[in-house]
C-alpha atoms as a PDB file:
ATOM      1  CA  MET A   1     -54.816 -58.342-110.184  1.00  0.00           C
ATOM      2  CA  ALA A   2     -53.258 -59.640-112.142  1.00  0.00           C
ATOM      3  CA  TYR A   3     -50.765 -57.414-114.414  1.00  0.00           C
ATOM      4  CA  PRO A   4     -50.275 -57.889-117.899  1.00  0.00           C
ATOM      5  CA  GLN A   5     -46.284 -59.314-117.994  1.00  0.00           C
ATOM      6  CA  VAL A   6     -44.250 -55.797-120.543  1.00  0.00           C
ATOM      7  CA  ARG A   7     -41.174 -55.910-122.132  1.00  0.00           C
ATOM      8  CA  ILE A   8     -40.353 -53.150-123.847  1.00  0.00           C
ATOM      9  CA  GLN A   9     -37.552 -52.332-126.335  1.00  0.00           C
ATOM     10  CA  LEU A  10     -36.665 -48.677-127.321  1.00  0.00           C
ATOM     11  CA  CYS A  11     -32.694 -49.077-128.886  1.00  0.00           C
ATOM     12  CA  GLY A  12     -32.738 -50.161-131.347  1.00  0.00           C
ATOM     13  CA  ARG A  13     -36.263 -50.793-133.842  1.00  0.00           C
ATOM     14  CA  VAL A  14     -38.821 -49.765-130.465  1.00  0.00           C
ATOM     15  CA  CYS A  15     -41.032 -53.339-129.765  1.00  0.00           C
ATOM     16  CA  ILE A  16     -43.447 -53.606-127.233  1.00  0.00           C
ATOM     17  CA  GLU A  17     -44.852 -57.097-125.751  1.00  0.00           C
ATOM     18  CA  ILE A  18     -47.589 -57.083-123.857  1.00  0.00           C
ATOM     19  CA  ASP A  19     -48.063 -60.875-122.294  1.00  0.00           C
ATOM     20  CA  GLY A  20     -46.383 -62.622-125.046  1.00  0.00           C
ATOM     21  CA  GLU A  21     -48.553 -60.645-127.988  1.00  0.00           C
ATOM     22  CA  ARG A  22     -46.098 -58.097-129.520  1.00  0.00           C
ATOM     23  CA  ARG A  23     -47.443 -54.750-129.891  1.00  0.00           C
ATOM     24  CA  ASP A  24     -45.177 -52.047-131.384  1.00  0.00           C
ATOM     25  CA  GLY A  25     -46.900 -52.419-135.203  1.00  0.00           C
ATOM     26  CA  ARG A  26     -49.871 -51.328-133.579  1.00  0.00           C
ATOM     27  CA  LEU A  27     -47.966 -47.677-132.958  1.00  0.00           C
ATOM     28  CA  PRO A  28     -49.685 -44.722-135.217  1.00  0.00           C
ATOM     29  CA  GLY A  29     -46.026 -44.418-136.783  1.00  0.00           C
ATOM     30  CA  PRO A  30     -43.225 -41.979-136.081  1.00  0.00           C
ATOM     31  CA  GLN A  31     -45.032 -39.657-134.131  1.00  0.00           C
ATOM     32  CA  GLY A  32     -46.704 -43.338-132.064  1.00  0.00           C
ATOM     33  CA  ARG A  33     -42.880 -44.607-131.595  1.00  0.00           C
ATOM     34  CA  ARG A  34     -42.016 -40.791-131.071  1.00  0.00           C
ATOM     35  CA  LEU A  35     -44.686 -39.996-128.987  1.00  0.00           C
ATOM     36  CA  PHE A  36     -44.088 -43.771-127.104  1.00  0.00           C
ATOM     37  CA  ALA A  37     -40.865 -43.778-126.512  1.00  0.00           C
ATOM     38  CA  PHE A  38     -41.389 -40.158-124.279  1.00  0.00           C
ATOM     39  CA  LEU A  39     -44.130 -41.470-122.540  1.00  0.00           C
ATOM     40  CA  THR A  40     -41.875 -44.539-121.318  1.00  0.00           C
ATOM     41  CA  VAL A  41     -39.006 -43.009-121.169  1.00  0.00           C
ATOM     42  CA  ARG A  42     -40.207 -39.950-118.025  1.00  0.00           C
ATOM     43  CA  ARG A  43     -43.067 -42.220-117.225  1.00  0.00           C
ATOM     44  CA  PHE A  44     -42.839 -41.198-113.198  1.00  0.00           C
ATOM     45  CA  ALA A  45     -42.058 -36.832-114.107  1.00  0.00           C
ATOM     46  CA  ALA A  46     -44.514 -34.337-114.520  1.00  0.00           C
ATOM     47  CA  LEU A  47     -45.313 -33.773-117.639  1.00  0.00           C
ATOM     48  CA  THR A  48     -47.867 -31.373-119.970  1.00  0.00           C
ATOM     49  CA  ARG A  49     -48.736 -31.336-123.325  1.00  0.00           C
ATOM     50  CA  GLN A  50     -46.048 -28.912-123.956  1.00  0.00           C
ATOM     51  CA  ASP A  51     -43.563 -31.417-123.277  1.00  0.00           C
ATOM     52  CA  LEU A  52     -45.721 -33.863-125.508  1.00  0.00           C
ATOM     53  CA  TYR A  53     -45.407 -31.213-128.348  1.00  0.00           C
ATOM     54  CA  LEU A  54     -41.763 -30.959-128.068  1.00  0.00           C
ATOM     55  CA  ALA A  55     -41.598 -34.413-127.782  1.00  0.00           C
ATOM     56  CA  VAL A  56     -44.071 -35.318-130.708  1.00  0.00           C
ATOM     57  CA  TRP A  57     -42.912 -32.077-133.166  1.00  0.00           C
ATOM     58  CA  GLY A  58     -40.179 -30.018-131.411  1.00  0.00           C
ATOM     59  CA  GLU A  59     -40.520 -26.662-132.453  1.00  0.00           C
ATOM     60  CA  ARG A  60     -42.191 -27.667-135.496  1.00  0.00           C
ATOM     61  CA  LEU A  61     -46.095 -28.175-134.642  1.00  0.00           C
ATOM     62  CA  PRO A  62     -48.599 -28.693-136.681  1.00  0.00           C
ATOM     63  CA  ALA A  63     -51.960 -26.423-137.143  1.00  0.00           C
ATOM     64  CA  ALA A  64     -53.682 -27.274-134.565  1.00  0.00           C
ATOM     65  CA  PRO A  65     -51.359 -29.189-132.160  1.00  0.00           C
ATOM     66  CA  ASP A  66     -53.954 -29.788-129.221  1.00  0.00           C
ATOM     67  CA  ALA A  67     -56.165 -31.426-131.499  1.00  0.00           C
ATOM     68  CA  ALA A  68     -53.631 -33.542-133.235  1.00  0.00           C
ATOM     69  CA  LEU A  69     -52.183 -34.214-129.580  1.00  0.00           C
ATOM     70  CA  SER A  70     -55.028 -35.857-128.550  1.00  0.00           C
ATOM     71  CA  ALA A  71     -55.774 -38.335-131.510  1.00  0.00           C
ATOM     72  CA  LEU A  72     -52.260 -38.960-131.095  1.00  0.00           C
ATOM     73  CA  LEU A  73     -53.309 -39.618-127.509  1.00  0.00           C
ATOM     74  CA  SER A  74     -56.200 -41.909-128.214  1.00  0.00           C
ATOM     75  CA  ARG A  75     -54.588 -43.556-130.917  1.00  0.00           C
ATOM     76  CA  LEU A  76     -51.648 -45.565-128.875  1.00  0.00           C
ATOM     77  CA  ARG A  77     -53.706 -45.589-126.296  1.00  0.00           C
ATOM     78  CA  THR A  78     -55.758 -48.013-127.873  1.00  0.00           C
ATOM     79  CA  SER A  79     -52.602 -50.091-129.647  1.00  0.00           C
ATOM     80  CA  VAL A  80     -50.449 -50.851-126.135  1.00  0.00           C
ATOM     81  CA  ARG A  81     -54.531 -51.311-124.523  1.00  0.00           C
ATOM     82  CA  PRO A  82     -53.867 -53.069-121.539  1.00  0.00           C
ATOM     83  CA  LEU A  83     -51.505 -50.862-120.108  1.00  0.00           C
ATOM     84  CA  ARG A  84     -52.574 -47.669-118.328  1.00  0.00           C
ATOM     85  CA  PHE A  85     -52.286 -43.773-118.077  1.00  0.00           C
ATOM     86  CA  ASP A  86     -51.595 -41.472-115.660  1.00  0.00           C
ATOM     87  CA  GLY A  87     -53.893 -38.225-117.363  1.00  0.00           C
ATOM     88  CA  LEU A  88     -50.554 -37.991-119.837  1.00  0.00           C
ATOM     89  CA  ARG A  89     -48.363 -40.449-117.485  1.00  0.00           C
ATOM     90  CA  LEU A  90     -47.702 -43.650-119.283  1.00  0.00           C
ATOM     91  CA  ALA A  91     -48.241 -46.192-116.084  1.00  0.00           C
ATOM     92  CA  LEU A  92     -45.952 -49.587-116.506  1.00  0.00           C
ATOM     93  CA  PRO A  93     -47.326 -52.300-114.327  1.00  0.00           C
ATOM     94  CA  ALA A  94     -44.352 -53.319-111.488  1.00  0.00           C
ATOM     95  CA  GLY A  95     -42.259 -55.819-113.127  1.00  0.00           C
ATOM     96  CA  ALA A  96     -41.663 -53.977-117.613  1.00  0.00           C
ATOM     97  CA  TRP A  97     -38.551 -54.129-118.401  1.00  0.00           C
ATOM     98  CA  VAL A  98     -37.192 -51.569-119.970  1.00  0.00           C
ATOM     99  CA  ASP A  99     -33.989 -51.652-122.204  1.00  0.00           C
ATOM    100  CA  LEU A 100     -32.220 -48.699-121.653  1.00  0.00           C
ATOM    101  CA  GLU A 101     -32.943 -49.393-117.797  1.00  0.00           C
ATOM    102  CA  ALA A 102     -32.153 -52.483-117.947  1.00  0.00           C
ATOM    103  CA  ALA A 103     -28.718 -51.076-119.490  1.00  0.00           C
ATOM    104  CA  ARG A 104     -28.384 -48.832-116.631  1.00  0.00           C
ATOM    105  CA  ASP A 105     -28.952 -50.823-114.182  1.00  0.00           C
ATOM    106  CA  ALA A 106     -26.646 -53.657-115.543  1.00  0.00           C
ATOM    107  CA  ILE A 107     -23.270 -50.526-115.752  1.00  0.00           C
ATOM    108  CA  HIS A 108     -24.053 -50.582-112.288  1.00  0.00           C
ATOM    109  CA  ARG A 109     -22.881 -54.281-111.533  1.00  0.00           C
ATOM    110  CA  ALA A 110     -20.109 -54.398-113.760  1.00  0.00           C
ATOM    111  CA  GLU A 111     -18.802 -51.618-112.323  1.00  0.00           C
ATOM    112  CA  SER A 112     -19.399 -52.788-108.954  1.00  0.00           C
ATOM    113  CA  ALA A 113     -17.831 -56.415-109.383  1.00  0.00           C
ATOM    114  CA  VAL A 114     -14.984 -54.541-111.304  1.00  0.00           C
ATOM    115  CA  ALA A 115     -14.012 -52.935-108.186  1.00  0.00           C
ATOM    116  CA  GLN A 116     -14.223 -55.793-106.145  1.00  0.00           C
ATOM    117  CA  GLY A 117     -12.195 -57.733-108.967  1.00  0.00           C
ATOM    118  CA  ALA A 118     -15.130 -60.477-109.723  1.00  0.00           C
ATOM    119  CA  TRP A 119     -14.642 -60.599-113.144  1.00  0.00           C
ATOM    120  CA  GLY A 120     -17.172 -63.042-114.561  1.00  0.00           C
ATOM    121  CA  ARG A 121     -20.505 -60.860-112.866  1.00  0.00           C
ATOM    122  CA  ALA A 122     -18.441 -57.909-114.192  1.00  0.00           C
ATOM    123  CA  TRP A 123     -18.291 -59.300-117.621  1.00  0.00           C
ATOM    124  CA  GLY A 124     -21.937 -60.767-118.177  1.00  0.00           C
ATOM    125  CA  ALA A 125     -23.207 -57.745-116.538  1.00  0.00           C
ATOM    126  CA  ALA A 126     -21.092 -55.433-118.999  1.00  0.00           C
ATOM    127  CA  GLN A 127     -22.328 -57.263-121.750  1.00  0.00           C
ATOM    128  CA  VAL A 128     -25.609 -56.476-121.014  1.00  0.00           C
ATOM    129  CA  THR A 129     -25.208 -52.865-121.710  1.00  0.00           C
ATOM    130  CA  LEU A 130     -22.701 -52.556-124.634  1.00  0.00           C
ATOM    131  CA  PHE A 131     -25.400 -55.103-126.182  1.00  0.00           C
ATOM    132  CA  THR A 132     -28.500 -52.109-125.909  1.00  0.00           C
ATOM    133  CA  ALA A 133     -25.721 -49.316-126.345  1.00  0.00           C
ATOM    134  CA  ARG A 134     -24.613 -50.175-130.235  1.00  0.00           C
ATOM    135  CA  ARG A 135     -27.939 -50.626-131.034  1.00  0.00           C
ATOM    136  CA  GLY A 136     -28.935 -46.327-130.738  1.00  0.00           C
ATOM    137  CA  PHE A 137     -31.964 -44.432-130.016  1.00  0.00           C
ATOM    138  CA  LEU A 138     -34.198 -43.706-132.457  1.00  0.00           C
ATOM    139  CA  PRO A 139     -32.244 -44.061-135.837  1.00  0.00           C
ATOM    140  CA  GLY A 140     -33.168 -40.918-138.362  1.00  0.00           C
ATOM    141  CA  GLU A 141     -35.390 -38.707-135.321  1.00  0.00           C
ATOM    142  CA  ASP A 142     -33.673 -35.500-134.576  1.00  0.00           C
ATOM    143  CA  LEU A 143     -35.307 -34.000-131.491  1.00  0.00           C
ATOM    144  CA  PRO A 144     -33.573 -32.514-128.205  1.00  0.00           C
ATOM    145  CA  TRP A 145     -34.498 -35.161-125.925  1.00  0.00           C
ATOM    146  CA  ILE A 146     -33.607 -38.021-128.302  1.00  0.00           C
ATOM    147  CA  THR A 147     -29.819 -36.470-128.767  1.00  0.00           C
ATOM    148  CA  ASP A 148     -29.385 -36.173-124.827  1.00  0.00           C
ATOM    149  CA  ILE A 149     -30.611 -40.738-124.534  1.00  0.00           C
ATOM    150  CA  ARG A 150     -28.140 -41.155-127.345  1.00  0.00           C
ATOM    151  CA  HIS A 151     -25.782 -38.927-125.479  1.00  0.00           C
ATOM    152  CA  GLU A 152     -26.380 -41.527-122.308  1.00  0.00           C
ATOM    153  CA  LEU A 153     -25.592 -43.897-124.894  1.00  0.00           C
ATOM    154  CA  GLU A 154     -22.499 -43.506-125.464  1.00  0.00           C
ATOM    155  CA  SER A 155     -21.524 -43.302-122.039  1.00  0.00           C
ATOM    156  CA  LEU A 156     -22.855 -46.060-121.164  1.00  0.00           C
ATOM    157  CA  GLN A 157     -21.067 -47.913-124.235  1.00  0.00           C
ATOM    158  CA  VAL A 158     -17.510 -46.326-123.580  1.00  0.00           C
ATOM    159  CA  ARG A 159     -17.974 -47.602-119.923  1.00  0.00           C
ATOM    160  CA  ALA A 160     -18.751 -50.567-120.352  1.00  0.00           C
ATOM    161  CA  LEU A 161     -16.186 -51.309-122.606  1.00  0.00           C
ATOM    162  CA  GLU A 162     -13.601 -50.559-120.021  1.00  0.00           C
ATOM    163  CA  THR A 163     -15.499 -53.031-117.607  1.00  0.00           C
ATOM    164  CA  TYR A 164     -15.333 -55.588-120.709  1.00  0.00           C
ATOM    165  CA  ALA A 165     -12.398 -55.275-121.984  1.00  0.00           C
ATOM    166  CA  GLU A 166     -10.977 -55.389-117.866  1.00  0.00           C
ATOM    167  CA  ALA A 167     -13.088 -58.673-117.094  1.00  0.00           C
ATOM    168  CA  SER A 168     -11.827 -59.773-120.240  1.00  0.00           C
ATOM    169  CA  LEU A 169      -7.893 -59.118-119.370  1.00  0.00           C
ATOM    170  CA  HIS A 170      -8.361 -60.569-115.939  1.00  0.00           C
ATOM    171  CA  ALA A 171     -10.377 -63.788-116.974  1.00  0.00           C
ATOM    172  CA  ALA A 172      -7.802 -64.637-119.957  1.00  0.00           C
ATOM    173  CA  GLY A 173      -7.274 -67.698-121.677  1.00  0.00           C
ATOM    174  CA  PRO A 174      -9.820 -67.081-124.867  1.00  0.00           C
ATOM    175  CA  GLU A 175     -11.145 -64.008-123.570  1.00  0.00           C
ATOM    176  CA  LEU A 176      -8.237 -61.600-123.964  1.00  0.00           C
ATOM    177  CA  ALA A 177      -8.876 -61.573-127.689  1.00  0.00           C
ATOM    178  CA  PRO A 178     -12.471 -60.151-127.484  1.00  0.00           C
ATOM    179  CA  GLY A 179     -10.627 -57.937-124.252  1.00  0.00           C
ATOM    180  CA  GLU A 180      -8.179 -56.652-126.165  1.00  0.00           C
ATOM    181  CA  ARG A 181     -10.792 -55.726-129.560  1.00  0.00           C
ATOM    182  CA  SER A 182     -13.027 -54.019-127.010  1.00  0.00           C
ATOM    183  CA  ALA A 183      -9.978 -51.632-125.750  1.00  0.00           C
ATOM    184  CA  GLY A 184      -9.119 -50.553-128.896  1.00  0.00           C
ATOM    185  CA  ASP A 185     -12.767 -49.675-129.291  1.00  0.00           C
ATOM    186  CA  LEU A 186     -12.341 -47.561-126.294  1.00  0.00           C
ATOM    187  CA  VAL A 187      -9.031 -46.315-127.491  1.00  0.00           C
ATOM    188  CA  ALA A 188     -10.753 -45.216-130.205  1.00  0.00           C
ATOM    189  CA  ARG A 189     -14.464 -43.637-129.122  1.00  0.00           C
ATOM    190  CA  ALA A 190     -12.799 -42.395-125.954  1.00  0.00           C
ATOM    191  CA  PRO A 191      -9.481 -41.380-127.186  1.00  0.00           C
ATOM    192  CA  PHE A 192      -8.258 -39.001-123.845  1.00  0.00           C
ATOM    193  CA  ARG A 193      -9.425 -41.329-121.496  1.00  0.00           C
ATOM    194  CA  GLU A 194      -6.340 -43.961-120.195  1.00  0.00           C
ATOM    195  CA  SER A 195      -7.387 -46.432-118.874  1.00  0.00           C
ATOM    196  CA  GLY A 196      -8.643 -47.859-122.253  1.00  0.00           C
ATOM    197  CA  TYR A 197      -5.228 -47.890-123.360  1.00  0.00           C
ATOM    198  CA  ARG A 198      -3.805 -49.194-120.158  1.00  0.00           C
ATOM    199  CA  ILE A 199      -6.130 -51.697-121.154  1.00  0.00           C
ATOM    200  CA  LEU A 200      -4.864 -52.672-124.626  1.00  0.00           C
ATOM    201  CA  MET A 201      -1.189 -52.079-123.708  1.00  0.00           C
ATOM    202  CA  SER A 202      -1.604 -55.007-120.898  1.00  0.00           C
ATOM    203  CA  ALA A 203      -3.960 -57.568-122.851  1.00  0.00           C
ATOM    204  CA  LEU A 204      -0.773 -57.229-125.964  1.00  0.00           C
ATOM    205  CA  ALA A 205       1.485 -57.816-123.562  1.00  0.00           C
ATOM    206  CA  ALA A 206      -0.390 -60.805-122.526  1.00  0.00           C
ATOM    207  CA  ARG A 207      -0.583 -62.359-125.713  1.00  0.00           C
ATOM    208  CA  GLY A 208       2.742 -61.463-125.980  1.00  0.00           C
ATOM    209  CA  ASN A 209       2.609 -58.294-128.240  1.00  0.00           C
ATOM    210  CA  THR A 210       4.416 -56.577-126.085  1.00  0.00           C
ATOM    211  CA  ALA A 211       6.212 -54.313-129.008  1.00  0.00           C
ATOM    212  CA  GLU A 212       2.566 -53.691-130.568  1.00  0.00           C
ATOM    213  CA  ALA A 213       1.970 -52.769-127.047  1.00  0.00           C
ATOM    214  CA  LEU A 214       4.892 -49.959-126.557  1.00  0.00           C
ATOM    215  CA  ARG A 215       3.895 -48.402-129.726  1.00  0.00           C
ATOM    216  CA  VAL A 216       0.339 -48.074-128.567  1.00  0.00           C
ATOM    217  CA  TYR A 217       2.714 -46.262-125.272  1.00  0.00           C
ATOM    218  CA  ASP A 218       4.035 -43.801-127.860  1.00  0.00           C
ATOM    219  CA  ASP A 219       0.364 -42.898-129.957  1.00  0.00           C
ATOM    220  CA  LEU A 220      -0.299 -42.135-126.200  1.00  0.00           C
ATOM    221  CA  VAL A 221       2.170 -39.676-125.334  1.00  0.00           C
ATOM    222  CA  ARG A 222       2.308 -37.134-128.780  1.00  0.00           C
ATOM    223  CA  LEU A 223      -1.397 -37.325-128.378  1.00  0.00           C
ATOM    224  CA  LEU A 224      -0.984 -35.694-125.736  1.00  0.00           C
ATOM    225  CA  ASN A 225       2.008 -33.593-126.012  1.00  0.00           C
ATOM    226  CA  THR A 226      -0.126 -32.759-129.511  1.00  0.00           C
ATOM    227  CA  GLU A 227      -3.274 -32.154-128.115  1.00  0.00           C
ATOM    228  CA  LEU A 228      -2.994 -31.355-124.101  1.00  0.00           C
ATOM    229  CA  GLY A 229       0.725 -30.092-123.740  1.00  0.00           C
ATOM    230  CA  VAL A 230       0.528 -32.860-121.397  1.00  0.00           C
ATOM    231  CA  VAL A 231       2.345 -36.928-120.235  1.00  0.00           C
ATOM    232  CA  PRO A 232       1.175 -40.490-119.147  1.00  0.00           C
ATOM    233  CA  SER A 233      -0.710 -40.846-115.966  1.00  0.00           C
ATOM    234  CA  GLN A 234       1.971 -42.206-113.307  1.00  0.00           C
ATOM    235  CA  PRO A 235      -0.287 -45.278-113.488  1.00  0.00           C
ATOM    236  CA  THR A 236      -0.056 -45.194-116.967  1.00  0.00           C
ATOM    237  CA  ARG A 237       3.861 -44.373-117.156  1.00  0.00           C
ATOM    238  CA  ASP A 238       4.397 -47.134-114.449  1.00  0.00           C
ATOM    239  CA  LEU A 239       2.462 -49.816-116.765  1.00  0.00           C
ATOM    240  CA  HIS A 240       5.635 -48.653-119.354  1.00  0.00           C
ATOM    241  CA  GLY A 241       8.321 -49.359-117.057  1.00  0.00           C
ATOM    242  CA  GLN A 242       7.162 -52.428-116.410  1.00  0.00           C
ATOM    243  CA  LEU A 243       6.897 -53.536-120.331  1.00  0.00           C
ATOM    244  CA  LEU A 244       9.977 -52.613-121.133  1.00  0.00           C
ATOM    245  CA  SER A 245      11.574 -54.052-117.868  1.00  0.00           C
ATOM    246  CA  ALA A 246      10.090 -57.274-119.034  1.00  0.00           C
ATOM    247  CA  ARG A 247      10.778 -57.219-122.521  1.00  0.00           C
ATOM    248  CA  ASP A 248      14.517 -56.270-121.555  1.00  0.00           C
ATOM    249  CA  PRO A 249      14.655 -57.567-117.810  1.00  0.00           C
ATOM    250  CA  GLY A 250      18.880 -56.869-118.283  1.00  0.00           C
ATOM    251  CA  SER A 251      18.573 -53.273-118.528  1.00  0.00           C
END
């Protein structure tokens, strides 16, 4: 039996491709997009009709939710045929590609590559996660399960920025500039994550801007002192000392 080739993009604009044919235009409106996204994300879970009510309407249910859900499911099944449903569960074929799942897998590969010092592999895998996480998830929608996915994407983006920036720093050459920008973005998104400051300081110093790298350290010192009453960790202080020594070799 031949299974259809399926590619699903949930982040940014919802896109569905089955055997090379786009199907997202057939989805039954915003409610259909929400339901399809939820069924894709939760396809390995045991679902109840109540789960689907909350996924589509939240607490503001229609007058006859059971009939409304049945009609919506019927239209959804027609729009994505020949994809199968196992009761309320969407049963995607083996090998189906889903961007959110690809992003999760890629960040694990990127972090593993960083641990091994395989900077080229880390650089490439981190970009996969970055491209997906930056698109967001169901913009304009406001339901608890959607918020949970958005929080996950924010976490994935921070982790991907860190691995991408660190890989770019070690690759050096033309990758230093984008690595510096990514480290700056990481600091802005996760201001208490010291690794971002260390990567940014190292990238600035590698590009000959030690004074700016030292200013970044001073910014961190002020932030930690003001907000938490602590000082930077030992690795960060060690890097600061190395930069000072490099700037003033006779001191």
